[in-house]
Amino acid sequence: MKNILIILALAFCLPTMAQEQDKERDVSNEIAISYGFHPVSGDDFLPSVPFYYYLDKIGAFSGSYTHFFNKVVGVGGTYCFDYREIDYRYHGTNNPLVCNLYESCHSLMGHLKLNCINKKHFTLYVKADAGLCFWGYRLKEFQPDLFGVNLPTKHCCFAWQAATGVEVGNDRIAGFLQVGVGMEGNYSLGIRYKFKNHAQ
């Protein structure tokens, strides 16, 4: 379903981009912050250990900067942070803790953002990101003499995001809802601030 929404948004973007070529350039810059549910980073790199585990997912916090060459096409960068804690117990939930594993995921990505529909108080956009993801681990063992737990070996991977979203607000400040797949999450809620436009 999310892929279909992205494809439909792209279909809206193509004619909008063609029309924008005949207009005066409208350069702007924007920053955005968001919180995302169920990032793909939360599904990777669980270590293979013979213990019961409980995974506490926090979600992804993201910040981005975008430079728009006109009202439609923008490029920029995105940073995502995803933190989670894993409790390991030996043979079930009622047994003592074996260890706590704390994982942090840092993603740095470049992105392309296309505003498909630009209205006074509403914008429909698509966004594609690609970059690198870096993992950090911290292990707290409670019974090191009885159980040996090795840290995951993955410390770097490919980071990505494909999404479509809607912004509701004005030219300066707007809230947004984004739906997609990747490091920012399947669903993201956030706010964006756009610097005052100026024609060139």
N, C-alpha and C. Protein backbone atom coordinates (compact mmCIF):
# COMPACT_ATOMS: atom_id res chain seq x y z
N MET A 1 0.82 -1.20 0.00
CA MET A 1 0.00 0.00 0.00
C MET A 1 0.86 1.26 0.00
N LYS A 2 1.93 1.26 0.83
CA LYS A 2 2.81 2.43 0.88
C LYS A 2 3.49 2.66 -0.46
N ASN A 3 3.89 1.58 -1.15
CA ASN A 3 4.53 1.72 -2.45
C ASN A 3 3.58 2.32 -3.48
N ILE A 4 2.31 1.93 -3.42
CA ILE A 4 1.31 2.47 -4.34
C ILE A 4 1.14 3.98 -4.13
N LEU A 5 1.12 4.43 -2.87
CA LEU A 5 0.99 5.85 -2.58
C LEU A 5 2.17 6.64 -3.12
N ILE A 6 3.37 6.08 -3.01
CA ILE A 6 4.56 6.75 -3.52
C ILE A 6 4.50 6.87 -5.04
N ILE A 7 4.08 5.80 -5.72
CA ILE A 7 3.99 5.82 -7.18
C ILE A 7 2.94 6.83 -7.64
N LEU A 8 1.81 6.89 -6.96
CA LEU A 8 0.77 7.85 -7.32
C LEU A 8 1.25 9.28 -7.13
N ALA A 9 1.97 9.52 -6.05
CA ALA A 9 2.50 10.87 -5.83
C ALA A 9 3.51 11.25 -6.90
N LEU A 10 4.34 10.31 -7.33
CA LEU A 10 5.28 10.57 -8.41
C LEU A 10 4.55 10.92 -9.70
N ALA A 11 3.44 10.25 -9.96
CA ALA A 11 2.67 10.53 -11.17
C ALA A 11 2.15 11.97 -11.16
N PHE A 12 1.80 12.49 -9.98
CA PHE A 12 1.38 13.89 -9.87
C PHE A 12 2.55 14.83 -10.09
N CYS A 13 3.76 14.41 -9.69
CA CYS A 13 4.92 15.29 -9.74
C CYS A 13 5.37 15.60 -11.16
N LEU A 14 5.29 14.63 -12.05
CA LEU A 14 5.85 14.81 -13.39
C LEU A 14 5.24 15.98 -14.14
N PRO A 15 3.91 16.10 -14.23
CA PRO A 15 3.36 17.28 -14.92
C PRO A 15 3.63 18.58 -14.17
N THR A 16 3.70 18.53 -12.84
CA THR A 16 3.99 19.73 -12.06
C THR A 16 5.38 20.24 -12.35
N MET A 17 6.37 19.32 -12.48
CA MET A 17 7.73 19.70 -12.79
C MET A 17 7.82 20.33 -14.17
N ALA A 18 7.07 19.81 -15.13
CA ALA A 18 7.07 20.36 -16.48
C ALA A 18 6.52 21.79 -16.48
N GLN A 19 5.47 22.05 -15.73
CA GLN A 19 4.90 23.39 -15.66
C GLN A 19 5.83 24.36 -14.96
N GLU A 20 6.58 23.88 -13.97
CA GLU A 20 7.44 24.75 -13.18
C GLU A 20 8.60 25.29 -14.00
N GLN A 21 9.01 24.61 -15.06
CA GLN A 21 10.12 25.06 -15.88
C GLN A 21 9.84 26.39 -16.56
N ASP A 22 8.58 26.74 -16.76
CA ASP A 22 8.21 27.98 -17.42
C ASP A 22 8.03 29.15 -16.46
N LYS A 23 8.23 28.90 -15.15
CA LYS A 23 8.00 29.94 -14.16
C LYS A 23 9.34 30.51 -13.66
N GLU A 24 9.24 31.66 -13.03
CA GLU A 24 10.42 32.28 -12.43
C GLU A 24 10.93 31.41 -11.29
N ARG A 25 12.25 31.34 -11.16
CA ARG A 25 12.83 30.54 -10.09
C ARG A 25 12.39 31.09 -8.74
N ASP A 26 12.10 30.18 -7.83
CA ASP A 26 11.67 30.55 -6.49
C ASP A 26 12.50 29.73 -5.51
N VAL A 27 13.61 30.30 -5.05
CA VAL A 27 14.57 29.57 -4.23
C VAL A 27 14.19 29.67 -2.77
N SER A 28 14.29 28.56 -2.04
CA SER A 28 14.00 28.56 -0.61
C SER A 28 14.78 27.45 0.08
N ASN A 29 14.80 27.52 1.40
CA ASN A 29 15.45 26.50 2.23
C ASN A 29 14.51 26.13 3.36
N GLU A 30 14.54 24.87 3.75
CA GLU A 30 13.67 24.45 4.84
C GLU A 30 14.39 23.47 5.75
N ILE A 31 13.97 23.48 7.01
CA ILE A 31 14.44 22.49 7.98
C ILE A 31 13.20 21.78 8.54
N ALA A 32 13.38 20.52 8.94
CA ALA A 32 12.24 19.74 9.44
C ALA A 32 12.73 18.79 10.52
N ILE A 33 11.87 18.53 11.49
CA ILE A 33 12.13 17.52 12.50
C ILE A 33 10.90 16.61 12.57
N SER A 34 11.13 15.33 12.89
CA SER A 34 10.00 14.39 12.90
C SER A 34 10.30 13.22 13.81
N TYR A 35 9.23 12.49 14.13
CA TYR A 35 9.32 11.22 14.85
C TYR A 35 8.65 10.16 14.00
N GLY A 36 9.34 9.02 13.80
CA GLY A 36 8.82 7.97 12.93
C GLY A 36 8.58 6.67 13.67
N PHE A 37 7.50 5.98 13.29
CA PHE A 37 7.14 4.70 13.87
C PHE A 37 7.66 3.57 12.98
N HIS A 38 8.23 2.54 13.58
CA HIS A 38 8.66 1.32 12.91
C HIS A 38 9.70 1.57 11.80
N PRO A 39 10.83 2.17 12.13
CA PRO A 39 11.90 2.27 11.12
C PRO A 39 12.47 0.91 10.80
N VAL A 40 13.00 0.74 9.59
CA VAL A 40 13.56 -0.56 9.21
C VAL A 40 14.80 -0.89 10.03
N SER A 41 15.47 0.11 10.59
CA SER A 41 16.63 -0.16 11.43
C SER A 41 16.26 -0.96 12.67
N GLY A 42 15.00 -0.88 13.10
CA GLY A 42 14.56 -1.64 14.26
C GLY A 42 14.33 -3.11 14.00
N ASP A 43 14.44 -3.52 12.74
CA ASP A 43 14.20 -4.92 12.39
C ASP A 43 15.48 -5.69 12.10
N ASP A 44 16.63 -5.04 12.18
CA ASP A 44 17.89 -5.65 11.75
C ASP A 44 18.80 -5.99 12.92
N PHE A 45 19.67 -6.94 12.66
CA PHE A 45 20.86 -7.19 13.48
C PHE A 45 20.57 -7.66 14.89
N LEU A 46 19.47 -8.39 15.10
CA LEU A 46 19.30 -9.03 16.40
C LEU A 46 20.31 -10.18 16.51
N PRO A 47 21.11 -10.21 17.55
CA PRO A 47 22.11 -11.26 17.67
C PRO A 47 21.47 -12.62 17.88
N SER A 48 22.09 -13.65 17.37
CA SER A 48 21.59 -15.03 17.49
C SER A 48 22.10 -15.62 18.80
N VAL A 49 21.27 -15.56 19.82
CA VAL A 49 21.64 -16.13 21.11
C VAL A 49 20.49 -17.01 21.60
N PRO A 50 20.79 -18.07 22.38
CA PRO A 50 19.75 -19.02 22.80
C PRO A 50 18.98 -18.55 24.02
N PHE A 51 18.53 -17.27 24.01
CA PHE A 51 17.82 -16.72 25.14
C PHE A 51 16.49 -16.12 24.68
N TYR A 52 15.59 -16.02 25.63
CA TYR A 52 14.37 -15.25 25.38
C TYR A 52 14.73 -13.77 25.43
N TYR A 53 14.15 -12.97 24.54
CA TYR A 53 14.46 -11.54 24.58
C TYR A 53 13.19 -10.70 24.47
N TYR A 54 13.27 -9.53 25.08
CA TYR A 54 12.21 -8.52 24.98
C TYR A 54 12.81 -7.28 24.35
N LEU A 55 12.21 -6.82 23.27
CA LEU A 55 12.73 -5.69 22.51
C LEU A 55 11.89 -4.46 22.78
N ASP A 56 12.53 -3.40 23.26
CA ASP A 56 11.87 -2.14 23.51
C ASP A 56 12.28 -1.15 22.42
N LYS A 57 11.38 -0.91 21.46
CA LYS A 57 11.67 -0.01 20.35
C LYS A 57 11.22 1.41 20.70
N ILE A 58 12.13 2.34 20.50
CA ILE A 58 11.81 3.73 20.79
C ILE A 58 11.20 4.42 19.58
N GLY A 59 11.70 4.12 18.38
CA GLY A 59 11.29 4.81 17.17
C GLY A 59 12.41 5.69 16.66
N ALA A 60 12.20 6.34 15.54
CA ALA A 60 13.25 7.12 14.88
C ALA A 60 12.98 8.62 15.01
N PHE A 61 14.00 9.35 15.46
CA PHE A 61 13.96 10.81 15.49
C PHE A 61 14.80 11.32 14.33
N SER A 62 14.24 12.23 13.54
CA SER A 62 14.90 12.67 12.31
C SER A 62 14.94 14.20 12.22
N GLY A 63 15.99 14.68 11.58
CA GLY A 63 16.11 16.08 11.25
C GLY A 63 16.63 16.21 9.84
N SER A 64 16.14 17.20 9.09
CA SER A 64 16.55 17.32 7.70
C SER A 64 16.67 18.79 7.28
N TYR A 65 17.49 19.01 6.27
CA TYR A 65 17.62 20.31 5.63
C TYR A 65 17.44 20.11 4.13
N THR A 66 16.66 20.99 3.48
CA THR A 66 16.41 20.89 2.05
C THR A 66 16.57 22.27 1.40
N HIS A 67 17.31 22.30 0.31
CA HIS A 67 17.42 23.51 -0.51
C HIS A 67 16.59 23.31 -1.77
N PHE A 68 15.61 24.22 -2.00
CA PHE A 68 14.74 24.14 -3.17
C PHE A 68 15.25 25.08 -4.25
N PHE A 69 15.42 24.54 -5.46
CA PHE A 69 15.84 25.32 -6.61
C PHE A 69 14.66 26.09 -7.22
N ASN A 70 13.46 25.57 -7.01
CA ASN A 70 12.22 26.22 -7.40
C ASN A 70 11.14 25.69 -6.47
N LYS A 71 9.89 25.84 -6.82
CA LYS A 71 8.82 25.41 -5.92
C LYS A 71 8.64 23.90 -5.88
N VAL A 72 9.32 23.18 -6.78
CA VAL A 72 9.09 21.74 -6.90
C VAL A 72 10.29 20.91 -6.45
N VAL A 73 11.48 21.22 -6.93
CA VAL A 73 12.65 20.35 -6.77
C VAL A 73 13.56 20.84 -5.66
N GLY A 74 13.87 19.94 -4.72
CA GLY A 74 14.78 20.25 -3.63
C GLY A 74 15.72 19.11 -3.33
N VAL A 75 16.93 19.43 -2.88
CA VAL A 75 17.90 18.42 -2.45
C VAL A 75 18.41 18.81 -1.07
N GLY A 76 18.85 17.81 -0.31
CA GLY A 76 19.34 18.11 1.04
C GLY A 76 19.87 16.88 1.73
N GLY A 77 19.88 16.95 3.05
CA GLY A 77 20.40 15.86 3.86
C GLY A 77 19.48 15.56 5.03
N THR A 78 19.52 14.29 5.47
CA THR A 78 18.68 13.82 6.58
C THR A 78 19.53 13.07 7.58
N TYR A 79 19.30 13.33 8.86
CA TYR A 79 19.93 12.55 9.94
C TYR A 79 18.83 11.86 10.74
N CYS A 80 19.00 10.56 10.99
CA CYS A 80 18.03 9.78 11.78
C CYS A 80 18.73 9.11 12.95
N PHE A 81 18.06 9.08 14.08
CA PHE A 81 18.56 8.40 15.27
C PHE A 81 17.49 7.43 15.75
N ASP A 82 17.89 6.17 15.89
CA ASP A 82 16.98 5.12 16.36
C ASP A 82 17.66 4.38 17.50
N TYR A 83 16.99 4.33 18.65
CA TYR A 83 17.57 3.70 19.84
C TYR A 83 16.65 2.59 20.31
N ARG A 84 17.22 1.51 20.79
CA ARG A 84 16.41 0.42 21.33
C ARG A 84 17.18 -0.34 22.41
N GLU A 85 16.43 -0.98 23.28
CA GLU A 85 16.99 -1.77 24.38
C GLU A 85 16.44 -3.19 24.30
N ILE A 86 17.32 -4.17 24.46
CA ILE A 86 16.92 -5.58 24.40
C ILE A 86 17.28 -6.26 25.71
N ASP A 87 16.28 -6.85 26.38
CA ASP A 87 16.50 -7.61 27.61
C ASP A 87 16.54 -9.10 27.26
N TYR A 88 17.58 -9.77 27.70
CA TYR A 88 17.72 -11.21 27.47
C TYR A 88 17.54 -11.97 28.78
N ARG A 89 16.68 -12.99 28.74
CA ARG A 89 16.47 -13.86 29.89
C ARG A 89 16.66 -15.31 29.45
N TYR A 90 17.08 -16.12 30.39
CA TYR A 90 17.35 -17.52 30.08
C TYR A 90 16.07 -18.33 30.24
N HIS A 91 15.56 -18.88 29.12
CA HIS A 91 14.38 -19.76 29.13
C HIS A 91 13.15 -19.11 29.76
N GLY A 92 12.73 -17.96 29.22
CA GLY A 92 11.43 -17.45 29.61
C GLY A 92 11.47 -16.15 30.39
N THR A 93 10.27 -15.57 30.54
CA THR A 93 10.16 -14.21 31.10
C THR A 93 10.38 -14.16 32.61
N ASN A 94 10.17 -15.25 33.33
CA ASN A 94 10.24 -15.21 34.79
C ASN A 94 11.64 -15.49 35.33
N ASN A 95 12.59 -15.79 34.46
CA ASN A 95 13.94 -16.08 34.91
C ASN A 95 14.76 -14.80 34.99
N PRO A 96 15.87 -14.83 35.71
CA PRO A 96 16.69 -13.62 35.89
C PRO A 96 17.26 -13.14 34.55
N LEU A 97 17.55 -11.86 34.53
CA LEU A 97 18.15 -11.26 33.35
C LEU A 97 19.55 -11.82 33.11
N VAL A 98 19.82 -12.11 31.85
CA VAL A 98 21.16 -12.49 31.43
C VAL A 98 21.96 -11.24 31.09
N CYS A 99 21.35 -10.33 30.32
CA CYS A 99 22.03 -9.11 29.95
C CYS A 99 21.05 -8.10 29.38
N ASN A 100 21.48 -6.86 29.32
CA ASN A 100 20.80 -5.80 28.58
C ASN A 100 21.72 -5.38 27.44
N LEU A 101 21.14 -5.31 26.24
CA LEU A 101 21.89 -4.82 25.09
C LEU A 101 21.25 -3.52 24.62
N TYR A 102 22.05 -2.46 24.59
CA TYR A 102 21.58 -1.15 24.15
C TYR A 102 22.16 -0.88 22.76
N GLU A 103 21.28 -0.60 21.81
CA GLU A 103 21.70 -0.36 20.43
C GLU A 103 21.29 1.04 20.00
N SER A 104 22.19 1.71 19.32
CA SER A 104 21.88 3.02 18.75
C SER A 104 22.25 3.02 17.27
N CYS A 105 21.36 3.55 16.46
CA CYS A 105 21.53 3.59 15.01
C CYS A 105 21.54 5.04 14.55
N HIS A 106 22.60 5.43 13.85
CA HIS A 106 22.74 6.78 13.32
C HIS A 106 22.79 6.70 11.79
N SER A 107 21.85 7.35 11.12
CA SER A 107 21.79 7.31 9.65
C SER A 107 22.05 8.71 9.10
N LEU A 108 22.95 8.78 8.13
CA LEU A 108 23.23 10.03 7.40
C LEU A 108 22.90 9.80 5.94
N MET A 109 21.96 10.57 5.39
CA MET A 109 21.48 10.33 4.03
C MET A 109 21.32 11.64 3.27
N GLY A 110 21.61 11.60 1.99
CA GLY A 110 21.23 12.66 1.09
C GLY A 110 19.85 12.38 0.53
N HIS A 111 19.10 13.43 0.20
CA HIS A 111 17.73 13.17 -0.29
C HIS A 111 17.34 14.11 -1.43
N LEU A 112 16.38 13.63 -2.19
CA LEU A 112 15.70 14.40 -3.23
C LEU A 112 14.24 14.53 -2.82
N LYS A 113 13.72 15.76 -2.81
CA LYS A 113 12.33 15.99 -2.43
C LYS A 113 11.63 16.73 -3.55
N LEU A 114 10.48 16.22 -3.96
CA LEU A 114 9.69 16.81 -5.04
C LEU A 114 8.32 17.19 -4.50
N ASN A 115 7.99 18.47 -4.58
CA ASN A 115 6.66 18.95 -4.19
C ASN A 115 5.72 18.79 -5.38
N CYS A 116 4.82 17.84 -5.30
CA CYS A 116 3.95 17.51 -6.43
C CYS A 116 2.77 18.46 -6.56
N ILE A 117 2.18 18.82 -5.42
CA ILE A 117 1.05 19.74 -5.41
C ILE A 117 1.37 20.85 -4.42
N ASN A 118 1.39 22.09 -4.89
CA ASN A 118 1.66 23.25 -4.05
C ASN A 118 0.43 24.15 -3.97
N LYS A 119 -0.25 24.11 -2.85
CA LYS A 119 -1.37 25.01 -2.61
C LYS A 119 -0.99 25.93 -1.45
N LYS A 120 -1.86 26.90 -1.18
CA LYS A 120 -1.55 27.89 -0.16
C LYS A 120 -1.35 27.25 1.21
N HIS A 121 -2.18 26.27 1.55
CA HIS A 121 -2.09 25.66 2.88
C HIS A 121 -1.89 24.15 2.81
N PHE A 122 -1.52 23.63 1.65
CA PHE A 122 -1.40 22.17 1.48
C PHE A 122 -0.32 21.86 0.45
N THR A 123 0.53 20.88 0.77
CA THR A 123 1.56 20.40 -0.15
C THR A 123 1.60 18.89 -0.12
N LEU A 124 1.65 18.28 -1.31
CA LEU A 124 1.87 16.84 -1.44
C LEU A 124 3.27 16.65 -2.02
N TYR A 125 4.07 15.80 -1.38
CA TYR A 125 5.44 15.61 -1.84
C TYR A 125 5.85 14.14 -1.83
N VAL A 126 6.91 13.85 -2.57
CA VAL A 126 7.59 12.56 -2.48
C VAL A 126 9.05 12.83 -2.12
N LYS A 127 9.67 11.85 -1.46
CA LYS A 127 11.03 12.03 -0.95
C LYS A 127 11.78 10.71 -1.03
N ALA A 128 13.03 10.76 -1.51
CA ALA A 128 13.88 9.57 -1.59
C ALA A 128 15.23 9.89 -0.96
N ASP A 129 15.69 9.03 -0.04
CA ASP A 129 16.96 9.21 0.67
C ASP A 129 17.87 8.02 0.41
N ALA A 130 19.17 8.25 0.46
CA ALA A 130 20.16 7.17 0.40
C ALA A 130 21.42 7.63 1.12
N GLY A 131 22.05 6.70 1.85
CA GLY A 131 23.26 7.05 2.59
C GLY A 131 23.79 5.88 3.37
N LEU A 132 24.35 6.16 4.54
CA LEU A 132 24.97 5.13 5.37
C LEU A 132 24.37 5.17 6.77
N CYS A 133 24.34 3.98 7.38
CA CYS A 133 23.84 3.80 8.74
C CYS A 133 24.98 3.25 9.60
N PHE A 134 25.16 3.82 10.79
CA PHE A 134 26.22 3.40 11.70
C PHE A 134 25.61 2.94 13.02
N TRP A 135 26.06 1.75 13.49
CA TRP A 135 25.51 1.13 14.69
C TRP A 135 26.48 1.23 15.84
N GLY A 136 25.96 1.49 17.03
CA GLY A 136 26.75 1.45 18.26
C GLY A 136 26.07 0.54 19.26
N TYR A 137 26.87 -0.14 20.09
CA TYR A 137 26.33 -1.13 21.04
C TYR A 137 26.94 -0.92 22.42
N ARG A 138 26.13 -1.22 23.44
CA ARG A 138 26.61 -1.22 24.83
C ARG A 138 25.96 -2.41 25.52
N LEU A 139 26.76 -3.25 26.13
CA LEU A 139 26.27 -4.50 26.73
C LEU A 139 26.48 -4.46 28.24
N LYS A 140 25.41 -4.77 28.97
CA LYS A 140 25.48 -4.90 30.41
C LYS A 140 25.14 -6.34 30.78
N GLU A 141 26.13 -7.08 31.23
CA GLU A 141 25.95 -8.49 31.57
C GLU A 141 25.70 -8.65 33.07
N PHE A 142 24.77 -9.54 33.41
CA PHE A 142 24.44 -9.79 34.81
C PHE A 142 25.01 -11.12 35.32
N GLN A 143 25.25 -12.07 34.42
CA GLN A 143 25.80 -13.36 34.81
C GLN A 143 26.91 -13.77 33.84
N PRO A 144 27.99 -13.00 33.77
CA PRO A 144 29.04 -13.29 32.78
C PRO A 144 29.73 -14.62 32.99
N ASP A 145 29.72 -15.14 34.23
CA ASP A 145 30.38 -16.43 34.50
C ASP A 145 29.58 -17.61 33.95
N LEU A 146 28.27 -17.42 33.76
CA LEU A 146 27.42 -18.51 33.30
C LEU A 146 27.08 -18.41 31.82
N PHE A 147 26.93 -17.21 31.32
CA PHE A 147 26.48 -17.04 29.93
C PHE A 147 27.42 -16.07 29.21
N GLY A 148 27.79 -16.45 28.01
CA GLY A 148 28.60 -15.57 27.18
C GLY A 148 27.75 -14.98 26.06
N VAL A 149 27.70 -13.67 25.99
CA VAL A 149 26.92 -12.98 24.96
C VAL A 149 27.87 -12.12 24.13
N ASN A 150 27.87 -12.36 22.83
CA ASN A 150 28.73 -11.59 21.95
C ASN A 150 27.96 -10.42 21.35
N LEU A 151 28.64 -9.30 21.22
CA LEU A 151 28.03 -8.15 20.57
C LEU A 151 27.83 -8.41 19.09
N PRO A 152 26.81 -7.82 18.47
CA PRO A 152 26.64 -7.95 17.02
C PRO A 152 27.86 -7.41 16.28
N THR A 153 28.12 -7.98 15.12
CA THR A 153 29.31 -7.60 14.35
C THR A 153 29.02 -6.52 13.31
N LYS A 154 27.74 -6.23 13.05
CA LYS A 154 27.39 -5.22 12.06
C LYS A 154 27.55 -3.82 12.66
N HIS A 155 28.34 -2.98 12.00
CA HIS A 155 28.53 -1.61 12.47
C HIS A 155 28.24 -0.57 11.40
N CYS A 156 28.00 -0.99 10.17
CA CYS A 156 27.71 -0.06 9.09
C CYS A 156 26.84 -0.76 8.06
N CYS A 157 25.89 -0.05 7.47
CA CYS A 157 25.02 -0.63 6.45
C CYS A 157 24.48 0.48 5.56
N PHE A 158 23.79 0.10 4.53
CA PHE A 158 23.15 1.05 3.61
C PHE A 158 21.89 1.60 4.26
N ALA A 159 21.72 2.90 4.21
CA ALA A 159 20.55 3.56 4.77
C ALA A 159 19.71 4.15 3.64
N TRP A 160 18.38 4.10 3.80
CA TRP A 160 17.52 4.56 2.72
C TRP A 160 16.14 4.93 3.26
N GLN A 161 15.40 5.65 2.44
CA GLN A 161 14.01 5.99 2.74
C GLN A 161 13.30 6.33 1.44
N ALA A 162 12.10 5.83 1.28
CA ALA A 162 11.22 6.19 0.16
C ALA A 162 9.86 6.51 0.75
N ALA A 163 9.35 7.72 0.48
CA ALA A 163 8.14 8.13 1.17
C ALA A 163 7.37 9.16 0.37
N THR A 164 6.11 9.28 0.71
CA THR A 164 5.26 10.37 0.24
C THR A 164 4.62 11.01 1.46
N GLY A 165 4.34 12.31 1.38
CA GLY A 165 3.80 12.98 2.54
C GLY A 165 2.93 14.17 2.19
N VAL A 166 2.23 14.67 3.19
CA VAL A 166 1.40 15.86 3.04
C VAL A 166 1.80 16.86 4.12
N GLU A 167 1.87 18.13 3.74
CA GLU A 167 2.15 19.22 4.66
C GLU A 167 0.92 20.11 4.73
N VAL A 168 0.55 20.51 5.94
CA VAL A 168 -0.59 21.39 6.15
C VAL A 168 -0.13 22.57 7.00
N GLY A 169 -0.27 23.77 6.46
CA GLY A 169 0.16 24.96 7.18
C GLY A 169 0.21 26.15 6.26
N ASN A 170 1.35 26.85 6.24
CA ASN A 170 1.52 27.98 5.34
C ASN A 170 2.92 27.95 4.74
N ASP A 171 3.30 29.03 4.05
CA ASP A 171 4.60 29.07 3.39
C ASP A 171 5.75 28.98 4.37
N ARG A 172 5.53 29.39 5.61
CA ARG A 172 6.61 29.41 6.58
C ARG A 172 6.65 28.16 7.46
N ILE A 173 5.55 27.84 8.11
CA ILE A 173 5.51 26.73 9.07
C ILE A 173 4.37 25.79 8.70
N ALA A 174 4.65 24.46 8.75
CA ALA A 174 3.61 23.47 8.46
C ALA A 174 3.90 22.18 9.22
N GLY A 175 2.86 21.50 9.60
CA GLY A 175 2.99 20.15 10.12
C GLY A 175 2.88 19.17 8.97
N PHE A 176 3.46 17.97 9.14
CA PHE A 176 3.39 17.00 8.05
C PHE A 176 3.22 15.58 8.57
N LEU A 177 2.61 14.77 7.71
CA LEU A 177 2.47 13.33 7.90
C LEU A 177 3.12 12.66 6.70
N GLN A 178 4.06 11.73 6.98
CA GLN A 178 4.79 11.06 5.91
C GLN A 178 4.60 9.56 6.03
N VAL A 179 4.36 8.90 4.89
CA VAL A 179 4.15 7.46 4.84
C VAL A 179 5.19 6.87 3.90
N GLY A 180 5.89 5.83 4.33
CA GLY A 180 6.91 5.24 3.46
C GLY A 180 7.59 4.05 4.09
N VAL A 181 8.79 3.76 3.62
CA VAL A 181 9.60 2.65 4.14
C VAL A 181 11.03 3.13 4.25
N GLY A 182 11.68 2.84 5.37
CA GLY A 182 13.08 3.19 5.51
C GLY A 182 13.46 3.59 6.92
N MET A 183 14.56 4.32 7.03
CA MET A 183 15.14 4.66 8.33
C MET A 183 14.29 5.66 9.11
N GLU A 184 13.49 6.47 8.41
CA GLU A 184 12.64 7.45 9.09
C GLU A 184 11.36 6.84 9.63
N GLY A 185 11.06 5.61 9.25
CA GLY A 185 9.86 4.94 9.74
C GLY A 185 8.79 4.78 8.69
N ASN A 186 7.86 3.87 8.97
CA ASN A 186 6.72 3.66 8.08
C ASN A 186 5.76 4.85 8.11
N TYR A 187 5.65 5.46 9.28
CA TYR A 187 4.79 6.63 9.44
C TYR A 187 5.55 7.66 10.27
N SER A 188 5.58 8.90 9.82
CA SER A 188 6.31 9.96 10.51
C SER A 188 5.40 11.17 10.70
N LEU A 189 5.54 11.79 11.85
CA LEU A 189 4.85 13.04 12.16
C LEU A 189 5.90 14.09 12.48
N GLY A 190 5.73 15.30 11.94
CA GLY A 190 6.74 16.30 12.20
C GLY A 190 6.29 17.70 11.85
N ILE A 191 7.25 18.62 11.91
CA ILE A 191 7.01 20.01 11.60
C ILE A 191 8.16 20.54 10.76
N ARG A 192 7.86 21.38 9.79
CA ARG A 192 8.90 21.96 8.96
C ARG A 192 8.80 23.48 8.97
N TYR A 193 9.97 24.11 8.86
CA TYR A 193 10.07 25.57 8.82
C TYR A 193 10.79 25.95 7.54
N LYS A 194 10.19 26.82 6.74
CA LYS A 194 10.78 27.24 5.46
C LYS A 194 11.23 28.68 5.59
N PHE A 195 12.50 28.92 5.17
CA PHE A 195 13.02 30.28 5.17
C PHE A 195 12.32 31.09 4.09
N LYS A 196 12.23 32.37 4.29
CA LYS A 196 11.50 33.23 3.37
C LYS A 196 12.01 33.08 1.93
N ASN A 197 11.10 32.84 1.01
CA ASN A 197 11.45 32.67 -0.38
C ASN A 197 11.98 33.98 -0.97
N HIS A 198 12.85 33.80 -1.96
CA HIS A 198 13.30 34.98 -2.72
C HIS A 198 13.54 34.57 -4.16
N ALA A 199 13.08 35.36 -5.07
CA ALA A 199 13.23 35.05 -6.49
C ALA A 199 14.63 35.41 -6.97
N GLN A 200 15.12 34.66 -7.95
CA GLN A 200 16.42 34.90 -8.56
C GLN A 200 16.28 34.99 -10.05
